[in-house]
Protein backbone atom coordinates (compact mmCIF):
# COMPACT_ATOMS: atom_id res chain seq x y z
CA MET A 1 117.55 137.64 34.93
CA LEU A 2 117.41 140.15 37.81
CA GLN A 3 115.28 137.71 39.80
CA VAL A 4 117.94 135.03 39.36
CA LEU A 5 120.65 137.43 40.50
CA ARG A 6 118.66 138.44 43.59
CA THR A 7 118.17 134.86 44.73
CA SER A 8 121.44 133.28 43.56
CA TRP A 9 124.13 135.99 43.71
CA PRO A 10 125.95 134.46 46.73
CA LEU A 11 126.19 131.13 44.93
CA LEU A 12 127.26 132.71 41.64
CA LEU A 13 129.86 134.89 43.38
CA GLY A 14 131.27 131.92 45.25
CA MET A 15 131.39 129.78 42.11
CA GLY A 16 133.11 132.59 40.23
CA LEU A 17 135.87 132.73 42.84
CA LEU A 18 136.16 128.93 42.77
CA MET A 19 136.59 128.99 39.00
CA VAL A 20 139.28 131.66 39.28
CA GLY A 21 141.16 129.45 41.73
CA ASN A 22 140.75 126.33 39.62
CA GLY A 23 141.62 128.06 36.36
CA LEU A 24 144.76 129.60 37.85
CA GLN A 25 146.09 126.37 39.37
CA GLY A 26 145.59 124.44 36.12
CA THR A 27 147.61 126.92 34.04
CA LEU A 28 150.18 127.59 36.75
CA LEU A 29 151.11 123.92 37.11
CA GLY A 30 151.93 123.68 33.40
CA VAL A 31 154.29 126.65 33.67
CA ARG A 32 155.82 125.60 36.99
CA GLY A 33 156.33 122.04 35.73
CA GLY A 34 158.57 123.39 32.96
CA ILE A 35 160.54 125.46 35.49
CA GLU A 36 161.03 122.36 37.68
CA GLY A 37 162.27 120.35 34.69
CA PHE A 38 159.34 117.91 34.50
CA SER A 39 159.13 116.18 31.13
CA THR A 40 156.08 116.58 28.91
CA PHE A 41 155.12 112.96 29.55
CA GLU A 42 155.41 113.42 33.33
CA MET A 43 153.17 116.49 33.09
CA SER A 44 150.63 114.49 31.10
CA PHE A 45 150.20 112.16 34.09
CA VAL A 46 149.87 115.15 36.42
CA MET A 47 147.20 116.75 34.24
CA SER A 48 145.33 113.51 33.59
CA ALA A 49 145.09 112.85 37.34
CA TYR A 50 142.73 115.81 37.79
CA PHE A 51 140.17 114.28 35.44
CA LEU A 52 140.49 110.89 37.12
CA GLY A 53 139.69 112.54 40.44
CA PHE A 54 136.90 114.60 38.88
CA LEU A 55 135.30 111.50 37.40
CA GLY A 56 135.48 109.73 40.77
CA GLY A 57 134.09 112.76 42.56
CA SER A 58 131.11 113.07 40.26
CA ARG A 59 130.21 109.44 41.05
CA LEU A 60 130.88 109.46 44.81
CA ALA A 61 130.01 113.00 45.91
CA PRO A 62 126.23 112.44 45.71
CA GLU A 63 126.53 109.58 48.21
CA LEU A 64 128.65 111.74 50.54
CA ILE A 65 126.03 114.47 50.41
CA ARG A 66 123.24 112.02 51.22
CA ARG A 67 125.17 110.77 54.26
CA VAL A 68 126.38 113.97 55.90
CA GLY A 69 124.67 116.83 54.07
CA HIS A 70 125.60 119.62 51.67
CA ILE A 71 127.26 121.98 54.13
CA ARG A 72 129.63 119.42 55.69
CA VAL A 73 130.69 118.09 52.29
CA PHE A 74 131.13 121.60 50.92
CA ALA A 75 133.27 122.78 53.83
CA ALA A 76 135.37 119.61 54.05
CA LEU A 77 136.20 119.46 50.36
CA GLY A 78 136.93 123.18 50.29
CA SER A 79 139.47 122.75 53.10
CA PHE A 80 141.22 120.01 51.14
CA ILE A 81 141.37 122.21 48.03
CA SER A 82 143.02 125.07 49.90
CA ALA A 83 145.52 122.69 51.47
CA VAL A 84 146.45 121.04 48.18
CA LEU A 85 147.04 124.42 46.50
CA ILE A 86 149.60 125.26 49.19
CA LEU A 87 151.26 121.84 48.98
CA TYR A 88 152.02 122.05 45.24
CA PRO A 89 155.11 124.31 45.58
CA SER A 90 156.19 122.50 48.75
CA ILE A 91 156.53 119.04 47.14
CA THR A 92 157.79 119.56 43.60
CA GLU A 93 157.85 115.93 42.49
CA PRO A 94 155.79 114.52 39.58
CA TRP A 95 154.40 111.63 41.68
CA ALA A 96 153.33 114.03 44.45
CA TRP A 97 151.65 116.41 42.00
CA THR A 98 149.85 113.48 40.37
CA LEU A 99 148.44 112.38 43.73
CA LEU A 100 147.49 115.95 44.67
CA ARG A 101 145.75 116.42 41.32
CA VAL A 102 143.62 113.34 41.94
CA ILE A 103 142.62 114.78 45.31
CA ILE A 104 141.89 118.28 44.00
CA GLY A 105 139.94 116.92 41.03
CA PHE A 106 137.78 114.85 43.38
CA CYS A 107 137.23 117.83 45.68
CA PHE A 108 136.35 120.30 42.93
CA SER A 109 133.89 117.80 41.47
CA GLY A 110 132.21 117.37 44.87
CA VAL A 111 132.05 121.13 45.41
CA TYR A 112 130.49 121.63 41.97
CA VAL A 113 127.91 118.89 42.62
CA THR A 114 126.96 120.61 45.88
CA ALA A 115 126.78 124.11 44.42
CA GLU A 116 124.88 123.02 41.31
CA SER A 117 122.23 121.27 43.39
CA TRP A 118 121.81 124.52 45.34
CA LEU A 119 121.45 126.41 42.07
CA ASN A 120 118.80 124.01 40.84
CA ASN A 121 116.91 124.31 44.12
CA SER A 122 116.86 128.11 43.96
CA ALA A 123 115.61 128.21 40.36
CA THR A 124 112.01 127.92 39.25
CA ASN A 125 110.74 126.44 35.99
CA GLU A 126 110.57 129.97 34.61
CA THR A 127 114.11 130.98 35.65
CA ARG A 128 116.01 127.69 35.22
CA GLY A 129 117.27 128.53 31.73
CA GLN A 130 118.46 131.98 32.84
CA ALA A 131 120.16 130.50 35.92
CA LEU A 132 121.94 127.94 33.76
CA SER A 133 123.16 130.61 31.35
CA LEU A 134 124.35 132.86 34.18
CA TYR A 135 126.14 129.93 35.79
CA MET A 136 127.94 129.15 32.54
CA ILE A 137 128.95 132.79 32.03
CA VAL A 138 130.28 133.00 35.60
CA GLN A 139 132.33 129.86 35.06
CA MET A 140 133.87 131.15 31.83
CA VAL A 141 134.55 134.63 33.22
CA GLY A 142 136.21 133.02 36.24
CA ILE A 143 138.55 130.90 34.14
CA VAL A 144 139.41 133.81 31.82
CA SER A 145 140.07 136.15 34.77
CA ALA A 146 142.37 133.56 36.30
CA GLN A 147 144.74 133.84 33.36
CA GLY A 148 145.32 137.51 34.11
CA LEU A 149 146.34 136.67 37.69
CA LEU A 150 149.16 134.55 36.32
CA ASN A 151 151.05 137.77 35.58
CA LEU A 152 150.92 139.03 39.19
CA GLY A 153 153.81 136.96 40.52
CA ASP A 154 156.75 134.71 39.76
CA PRO A 155 155.64 131.17 38.77
CA SER A 156 158.77 129.80 40.43
CA GLY A 157 157.73 131.17 43.82
CA PHE A 158 154.88 130.61 46.29
CA ILE A 159 152.63 133.64 45.87
CA LEU A 160 150.77 132.40 42.78
CA PHE A 161 149.82 129.25 44.70
CA VAL A 162 148.71 131.26 47.72
CA ILE A 163 146.36 133.44 45.64
CA PRO A 164 144.07 130.58 44.45
CA SER A 165 144.15 129.04 47.94
CA VAL A 166 142.89 132.31 49.41
CA LEU A 167 140.28 132.75 46.66
CA VAL A 168 138.94 129.24 47.22
CA SER A 169 138.75 129.82 50.98
CA ILE A 170 136.92 133.13 50.50
CA SER A 171 134.53 131.63 47.94
CA PHE A 172 132.74 129.53 50.55
CA ALA A 173 131.77 132.54 52.70
CA PRO A 174 129.00 134.01 50.48
CA ILE A 175 127.59 130.52 49.80
CA LEU A 176 127.57 129.20 53.37
CA LEU A 177 126.36 132.50 54.86
CA SER A 178 123.49 132.91 52.41
CA VAL A 179 119.95 132.33 53.59
CA ASN A 180 119.09 129.82 50.87
CA PRO A 181 117.85 126.56 52.41
CA THR A 182 119.78 123.34 51.95
CA PRO A 183 118.12 121.45 49.09
CA ALA A 184 116.95 117.88 49.08
CA PHE A 185 119.42 115.92 46.99
CA GLY A 186 118.69 113.34 44.36
CA THR A 187 120.05 112.36 40.97
CA ALA A 188 118.60 110.11 38.33
CA LYS A 189 119.97 106.60 37.91
CA PRO A 190 121.78 106.53 34.56
CA MET A 191 120.63 104.20 31.81
CA SER A 192 123.04 101.52 30.63
CA LEU A 193 125.73 102.56 28.17
CA MET A 194 124.48 100.01 25.63
CA GLN A 195 120.99 101.50 25.77
CA LEU A 196 122.43 104.99 25.45
CA TYR A 197 124.53 104.00 22.43
CA ALA A 198 121.49 102.42 20.79
CA PHE A 199 119.59 105.70 21.15
CA SER A 200 122.45 107.92 19.95
CA PRO A 201 125.72 106.51 18.57
CA LEU A 202 126.90 110.00 17.64
CA GLY A 203 126.15 111.32 21.12
CA CYS A 204 128.22 108.58 22.76
CA VAL A 205 131.17 108.61 20.35
CA GLY A 206 131.20 112.39 20.19
CA MET A 207 131.12 112.81 23.98
CA PHE A 208 134.03 110.38 24.38
CA LEU A 209 136.16 112.19 21.79
CA MET A 210 135.23 115.65 23.10
CA GLY A 211 136.26 114.56 26.60
CA GLY A 212 139.74 114.05 25.19
CA VAL A 213 139.65 117.44 23.47
CA PHE A 214 138.55 119.38 26.54
CA SER A 215 141.01 117.73 28.92
CA ALA A 216 143.86 118.46 26.53
CA LEU A 217 142.82 122.11 26.32
CA PHE A 218 142.27 122.48 30.06
CA GLY A 219 145.26 120.39 31.12
CA MET A 220 147.96 120.60 28.45
CA ALA A 221 147.61 124.05 26.85
CA SER A 222 150.00 125.65 29.35
CA VAL A 223 152.43 122.74 28.93
CA TYR A 224 152.34 123.31 25.18
CA GLY A 225 152.89 127.05 25.63
CA THR A 226 155.92 126.37 27.82
CA ASP A 227 157.34 123.87 25.30
CA VAL A 228 157.13 126.31 22.37
CA GLY A 229 158.77 129.10 24.37
CA LEU A 230 155.85 131.41 25.09
CA ASN A 231 156.38 133.73 28.04
CA VAL A 232 153.99 133.82 30.97
CA GLY A 233 152.00 136.74 29.57
CA GLN A 234 151.58 135.03 26.20
CA ILE A 235 150.52 131.76 27.84
CA SER A 236 147.86 133.57 29.87
CA ILE A 237 146.51 135.32 26.74
CA PHE A 238 146.60 132.06 24.75
CA ILE A 239 144.59 130.12 27.33
CA ALA A 240 142.17 132.99 27.97
CA THR A 241 141.45 133.11 24.24
CA ILE A 242 140.38 129.45 24.28
CA TYR A 243 137.66 130.20 26.83
CA ILE A 244 136.67 133.54 25.30
CA GLY A 245 136.00 131.65 22.08
CA GLY A 246 133.86 129.17 23.97
CA LEU A 247 131.83 131.95 25.56
CA VAL A 248 131.39 134.07 22.40
CA LEU A 249 130.39 131.24 20.04
CA GLN A 250 128.24 129.25 22.50
CA PHE A 251 125.08 131.28 21.90
CA PRO A 252 125.13 131.70 18.08
CA ILE A 253 125.84 127.97 17.70
CA GLY A 254 123.05 127.24 20.17
CA TRP A 255 120.68 129.49 18.21
CA ALA A 256 121.53 127.65 14.98
CA SER A 257 121.14 124.23 16.60
CA ASP A 258 117.42 124.79 17.23
CA ARG A 259 116.87 125.61 13.55
CA MET A 260 118.70 122.90 11.58
CA ASP A 261 119.81 119.27 11.57
CA ARG A 262 122.09 119.16 14.61
CA ARG A 263 124.30 116.50 13.00
CA LEU A 264 125.13 118.93 10.18
CA LEU A 265 125.99 121.64 12.71
CA ILE A 266 128.09 119.20 14.73
CA MET A 267 129.95 118.26 11.56
CA ILE A 268 130.56 121.90 10.57
CA ALA A 269 131.71 122.96 14.05
CA ALA A 270 133.99 119.94 14.48
CA LEU A 271 135.57 120.35 11.04
CA ALA A 272 136.11 124.07 11.70
CA GLY A 273 137.83 123.29 15.00
CA GLY A 274 139.91 120.53 13.42
CA GLY A 275 140.93 122.80 10.56
CA ALA A 276 142.02 125.49 13.03
CA GLY A 277 144.16 122.91 14.84
CA LEU A 278 145.82 121.86 11.57
CA LEU A 279 146.48 125.51 10.72
CA ALA A 280 148.27 126.07 14.04
CA MET A 281 150.29 122.89 13.59
CA ILE A 282 151.36 123.67 10.01
CA THR A 283 152.33 127.28 10.71
CA GLY A 284 154.59 126.15 13.56
CA GLY A 285 153.31 128.37 16.35
CA ALA A 286 153.27 132.01 15.20
CA PHE A 287 151.57 133.73 18.14
CA ALA A 288 148.87 135.51 16.11
CA ILE A 289 147.94 132.22 14.42
CA LEU A 290 147.91 130.49 17.80
CA LEU A 291 145.35 132.97 19.08
CA VAL A 292 143.11 132.47 16.04
CA ALA A 293 143.36 128.69 16.44
CA ALA A 294 142.74 128.91 20.19
CA PHE A 295 139.62 131.02 19.63
CA LEU A 296 138.20 128.64 17.01
CA VAL A 297 139.07 125.39 18.79
CA GLY A 298 137.72 126.70 22.10
CA GLY A 299 134.76 128.31 20.37
CA THR A 300 133.71 125.06 18.69
CA SER A 301 134.66 122.45 21.29
CA ASN A 302 132.70 124.00 24.16
CA PRO A 303 129.40 124.31 22.24
CA LEU A 304 129.91 120.81 20.79
CA TYR A 305 129.50 119.44 24.30
CA SER A 306 126.05 120.98 24.60
CA LEU A 307 125.22 120.11 20.99
CA LEU A 308 125.90 116.43 21.56
CA ILE A 309 123.68 116.39 24.65
CA ALA A 310 120.90 118.16 22.74
CA HIS A 311 121.31 115.75 19.78
CA THR A 312 121.00 112.77 22.12
CA ASN A 313 117.87 114.27 23.66
CA ASP A 314 116.31 114.43 20.18
CA TYR A 315 115.98 110.64 20.23
CA LEU A 316 114.83 110.26 23.84
CA GLU A 317 111.51 110.53 25.60
CA HIS A 318 111.34 113.34 28.13
CA GLU A 319 111.39 110.93 31.06
CA ASP A 320 114.65 109.35 29.81
CA MET A 321 116.66 112.56 29.38
CA ALA A 322 117.82 112.92 32.99
CA ALA A 323 118.78 109.23 33.13
CA ALA A 324 120.85 109.60 29.95
CA SER A 325 122.85 112.51 31.37
CA GLY A 326 124.75 110.30 33.83
CA GLY A 327 125.91 108.00 31.04
CA LEU A 328 126.97 110.89 28.81
CA ILE A 329 128.97 112.48 31.63
CA PHE A 330 130.68 109.16 32.40
CA ILE A 331 131.63 108.60 28.75
CA ASN A 332 132.99 112.13 28.54
CA GLY A 333 134.95 111.64 31.77
CA VAL A 334 136.62 108.46 30.53
CA GLY A 335 137.73 110.31 27.41
CA ALA A 336 138.98 113.20 29.56
CA VAL A 337 141.21 110.92 31.66
CA ALA A 338 142.91 109.58 28.53
CA GLY A 339 143.28 112.99 26.85
CA PRO A 340 146.36 114.45 28.58
CA LEU A 341 148.14 111.07 28.54
CA ILE A 342 147.77 110.68 24.77
CA THR A 343 148.58 114.36 24.20
CA GLY A 344 151.73 114.09 26.34
CA TRP A 345 152.83 110.97 24.48
CA MET A 346 152.31 112.66 21.11
CA MET A 347 154.16 115.81 22.20
CA ALA A 348 157.04 113.67 23.48
CA THR A 349 157.09 111.69 20.22
CA VAL A 350 156.61 114.29 17.48
CA GLY A 351 157.32 117.50 19.37
CA ALA A 352 155.17 120.29 20.80
CA GLN A 353 152.99 120.41 17.65
CA GLY A 354 151.67 117.02 18.68
CA PHE A 355 149.30 119.06 20.87
CA TRP A 356 147.56 120.47 17.79
CA LEU A 357 147.80 117.19 15.89
CA TYR A 358 145.93 115.45 18.68
CA LEU A 359 143.21 118.12 18.91
CA ALA A 360 142.77 118.28 15.14
CA GLY A 361 142.59 114.49 14.87
CA LEU A 362 139.81 114.19 17.44
CA MET A 363 137.81 117.13 16.10
CA LEU A 364 138.03 115.87 12.52
CA ALA A 365 137.00 112.39 13.73
CA VAL A 366 133.87 113.88 15.34
CA GLY A 367 133.06 115.71 12.10
CA ALA A 368 133.61 112.60 9.98
CA TYR A 369 131.47 110.42 12.25
CA ALA A 370 128.69 113.03 12.24
CA ALA A 371 128.76 112.98 8.43
CA PHE A 372 128.55 109.17 8.49
CA ARG A 373 125.60 109.17 10.91
CA MET A 374 123.70 111.51 8.59
CA THR A 375 123.64 108.67 6.06
CA GLN A 376 122.23 106.15 8.56
CA ARG A 377 118.88 107.68 9.52
CA ALA A 378 116.78 110.71 8.78
CA ALA A 379 116.94 113.73 11.02
CA PRO A 380 113.97 114.42 13.28
CA SER A 381 111.83 117.39 12.39
CA VAL A 382 113.17 120.65 13.79
CA ASP A 383 109.78 121.18 15.45
CA GLU A 384 110.20 117.90 17.34
CA THR A 385 113.76 118.38 18.61
CA ALA A 386 114.68 119.24 22.19
CA SER A 387 115.85 122.73 23.12
CA TYR A 388 119.58 123.52 23.23
CA ALA A 389 120.82 124.23 26.76
CA PRO A 390 124.33 125.68 27.21
CA VAL A 391 126.47 123.43 29.44
CA LEU A 392 130.25 123.47 29.87
CA PRO A 393 132.48 120.38 29.90
CA THR A 394 133.34 121.26 33.50
CA ALA A 395 129.75 120.50 34.51
CA THR A 396 128.87 117.62 36.82
CA PRO A 397 125.85 115.33 36.34
CA VAL A 398 123.81 117.71 38.51
CA ALA A 399 124.30 120.65 36.12
CA VAL A 400 123.54 118.45 33.13
CA GLU A 401 120.36 117.24 34.80
CA VAL A 402 119.41 120.88 35.42
CA ALA A 403 119.95 121.50 31.72
CA GLN A 404 117.85 118.45 30.91
CA GLU A 405 115.02 119.67 33.15
CA TRP A 406 115.12 123.04 31.42
CA ALA A 407 115.07 121.37 27.99
CA ILE A 408 112.08 119.24 29.02
CA ASP A 409 110.20 122.27 30.36
CA ALA A 410 110.94 124.21 27.17
CA ALA A 411 109.84 121.31 24.97
CA GLU A 412 106.61 120.80 26.92
CA GLU A 413 105.84 124.52 26.83
CA ALA A 414 106.45 124.61 23.07
CA ALA A 415 104.20 121.58 22.56
CA SER A 416 101.50 123.20 24.69
CA ASP A 417 101.74 126.47 22.73
CA GLN A 418 101.57 124.57 19.45
CA ALA A 419 98.52 122.63 20.59
CA THR A 420 96.81 125.82 21.76
CA GLY A 421 97.60 127.54 18.48
CA GLY A 422 96.25 124.58 16.55
CA ARG A 423 92.94 124.64 18.44
CA ALA A 424 92.65 128.38 17.96
CA ALA A 425 93.13 127.96 14.23
């Protein structure tokens, strides 16, 4: 772990500041939209636009990097992010925010692709798993810390938009001034979606539904908090709790996933998250219950993303894992674009509790489909399954491919150890 920190601390520090800026702007827009009188449905378009841009960025950024290089892409997209953050309070119109969210989603995706390729280049086979875990922790800590900054100013003013703009601008300094060489860039060509579905129906369906869950949490949680009358401090605690749950439960769920039928664990986690959503909806929004529900929904939905990738890997050859990651990310991204739109429509139709109804419905659907798939084919032996690698839904295809490489290395090492032990016996 110390070796990873010595070689990658500039990158991790820069990514942490980026996540603070991104986490703050996402929550702040939900609060500011309510102050400006935007309807819930209008805000759903604003929030959905980020994921549309992010999906486009994850597909196009690799080509930009190949053409002009990591540093130019990194600096250019970072400049756009800082500019957009300042423009939000200057043009308080839903159509303008929607356009700006597409731009900032594209730019953040491109920045993540660039940074994650640097991370992969700086890691060795022995340290890749540690680097991936540190990267995930930095991301989560950045988002959680961002919620505390929401209390430092008036959401109706400019200062809270200036803070993330400054943080994003500063974040590039440690990365661009580090001595790490620019890596060669390459990503695997994804397999067709039909092939991917044939290998793992649960992986494909689950990733699509979880895309909708994550985008609703990331995009609409602050809108929900505003609608039910939470103050700024309560909204920041509510959203921070979602990500704290994801960080705390990621590792015990990952530990269990390497020791049991992953479909059973997917079913249990999804049903637990869906039940928590129903509890919050039925109780009508008591703040203590909201925090419990936020912890459980966040704590199950984030690990489910990694679980579904690991489950898909269980049915793939090692050489196909990296190719499958592109398809899984695309499926998840399509679900993410639709998530805020459907959530906004439900909240406009049945009231603010439509937020929890939507989340519970998707989580329960994942659990039910996992239970169905358990009746369709036998589970692979636990000894033959791929290793669980923690990855967040904010990851780009590059980070998922890093996770796949780590899983392959771990599986090959385990097979080698088993073979050696067998010969010794």
